[in-house]
């Protein structure tokens, strides 16, 4: 039987999850960018389309949880 220190750990990598990891990382970038957009253009919150898009962008912090 091998000692505990000599056992090799091989990490598991799922290549098929790369696209989902990209979307998760991109959502975090959009999340940070949306705060700047709201500060620069506060009247965007009055329009329904941009208001909805910015509210979706606020959920970008969930991408961190998904990514890891």
C-alpha atoms as a PDB file:
ATOM      1  CA  UNK A   1       0.000   0.000   0.000  1.00  0.00           C
ATOM      2  CA  UNK A   2       1.372   3.439  -0.941  1.00  0.00           C
ATOM      3  CA  UNK A   3       1.854   6.130   1.666  1.00  0.00           C
ATOM      4  CA  UNK A   4      -0.580   9.030   1.517  1.00  0.00           C
ATOM      5  CA  UNK A   5       2.086  11.505   0.341  1.00  0.00           C
ATOM      6  CA  UNK A   6       3.011   9.442  -2.722  1.00  0.00           C
ATOM      7  CA  UNK A   7      -0.494   9.169  -4.160  1.00  0.00           C
ATOM      8  CA  UNK A   8      -0.974  11.292  -7.254  1.00  0.00           C
ATOM      9  CA  UNK A   9      -4.061  13.417  -7.685  1.00  0.00           C
ATOM     10  CA  UNK A  10      -5.226  13.868 -11.243  1.00  0.00           C
ATOM     11  CA  UNK A  11      -7.661  16.775 -11.567  1.00  0.00           C
ATOM     12  CA  UNK A  12     -10.815  16.260 -13.586  1.00  0.00           C
ATOM     13  CA  UNK A  13     -11.366  18.757 -16.386  1.00  0.00           C
ATOM     14  CA  UNK A  14     -14.635  18.991 -18.300  1.00  0.00           C
ATOM     15  CA  UNK A  15     -13.911  20.730 -21.585  1.00  0.00           C
ATOM     16  CA  UNK A  16     -17.619  20.918 -22.428  1.00  0.00           C
ATOM     17  CA  UNK A  17     -18.142  23.397 -19.591  1.00  0.00           C
ATOM     18  CA  UNK A  18     -15.839  26.016 -21.138  1.00  0.00           C
ATOM     19  CA  UNK A  19     -18.706  27.836 -22.878  1.00  0.00           C
ATOM     20  CA  UNK A  20     -20.685  28.027 -19.646  1.00  0.00           C
ATOM     21  CA  UNK A  21     -17.595  29.242 -17.794  1.00  0.00           C
ATOM     22  CA  UNK A  22     -17.198  31.966 -20.404  1.00  0.00           C
ATOM     23  CA  UNK A  23     -20.805  33.080 -19.936  1.00  0.00           C
ATOM     24  CA  UNK A  24     -20.339  33.119 -16.167  1.00  0.00           C
ATOM     25  CA  UNK A  25     -17.167  35.222 -16.399  1.00  0.00           C
ATOM     26  CA  UNK A  26     -18.758  37.525 -18.975  1.00  0.00           C
ATOM     27  CA  UNK A  27     -21.785  38.062 -16.730  1.00  0.00           C
ATOM     28  CA  UNK A  28     -19.476  39.210 -13.939  1.00  0.00           C
ATOM     29  CA  UNK A  29     -17.803  41.698 -16.295  1.00  0.00           C
ATOM     30  CA  UNK A  30     -21.207  43.022 -17.366  1.00  0.00           C
ATOM     31  CA  UNK A  31     -22.216  43.248 -13.698  1.00  0.00           C
ATOM     32  CA  UNK A  32     -19.265  45.526 -12.944  1.00  0.00           C
ATOM     33  CA  UNK A  33     -19.783  47.516 -16.126  1.00  0.00           C
ATOM     34  CA  UNK A  34     -23.496  48.085 -15.429  1.00  0.00           C
ATOM     35  CA  UNK A  35     -22.730  50.077 -12.281  1.00  0.00           C
ATOM     36  CA  UNK A  36     -20.659  52.491 -14.353  1.00  0.00           C
ATOM     37  CA  UNK A  37     -23.363  52.735 -17.008  1.00  0.00           C
ATOM     38  CA  UNK A  38     -25.999  53.591 -14.387  1.00  0.00           C
ATOM     39  CA  UNK A  39     -23.757  56.255 -12.912  1.00  0.00           C
ATOM     40  CA  UNK A  40     -22.971  57.841 -16.288  1.00  0.00           C
ATOM     41  CA  UNK A  41     -26.467  57.611 -17.769  1.00  0.00           C
ATOM     42  CA  UNK A  42     -29.072  57.672 -14.988  1.00  0.00           C
ATOM     43  CA  UNK A  43     -31.916  58.334 -17.460  1.00  0.00           C
ATOM     44  CA  UNK A  44     -31.490  54.825 -18.914  1.00  0.00           C
ATOM     45  CA  UNK A  45     -33.443  53.481 -15.948  1.00  0.00           C
ATOM     46  CA  UNK A  46     -36.549  55.285 -17.204  1.00  0.00           C
ATOM     47  CA  UNK A  47     -36.726  53.263 -20.428  1.00  0.00           C
ATOM     48  CA  UNK A  48     -38.249  49.783 -20.083  1.00  0.00           C
ATOM     49  CA  UNK A  49     -35.791  47.919 -22.309  1.00  0.00           C
ATOM     50  CA  UNK A  50     -32.618  49.281 -20.758  1.00  0.00           C
ATOM     51  CA  UNK A  51     -34.119  49.063 -17.292  1.00  0.00           C
ATOM     52  CA  UNK A  52     -34.785  45.345 -17.823  1.00  0.00           C
ATOM     53  CA  UNK A  53     -31.323  44.746 -19.255  1.00  0.00           C
ATOM     54  CA  UNK A  54     -29.674  46.495 -16.331  1.00  0.00           C
ATOM     55  CA  UNK A  55     -31.731  44.497 -13.860  1.00  0.00           C
ATOM     56  CA  UNK A  56     -30.545  41.298 -15.557  1.00  0.00           C
ATOM     57  CA  UNK A  57     -26.968  42.591 -15.435  1.00  0.00           C
ATOM     58  CA  UNK A  58     -27.314  43.021 -11.676  1.00  0.00           C
ATOM     59  CA  UNK A  59     -27.620  39.236 -11.409  1.00  0.00           C
ATOM     60  CA  UNK A  60     -24.106  38.879 -12.843  1.00  0.00           C
ATOM     61  CA  UNK A  61     -22.632  38.258  -9.434  1.00  0.00           C
ATOM     62  CA  UNK A  62     -24.180  34.799  -9.603  1.00  0.00           C
ATOM     63  CA  UNK A  63     -21.635  34.038 -12.315  1.00  0.00           C
ATOM     64  CA  UNK A  64     -18.922  33.864  -9.674  1.00  0.00           C
ATOM     65  CA  UNK A  65     -20.735  31.071  -7.882  1.00  0.00           C
ATOM     66  CA  UNK A  66     -21.312  29.177 -11.093  1.00  0.00           C
ATOM     67  CA  UNK A  67     -17.759  29.624 -12.360  1.00  0.00           C
ATOM     68  CA  UNK A  68     -16.197  28.036  -9.302  1.00  0.00           C
END
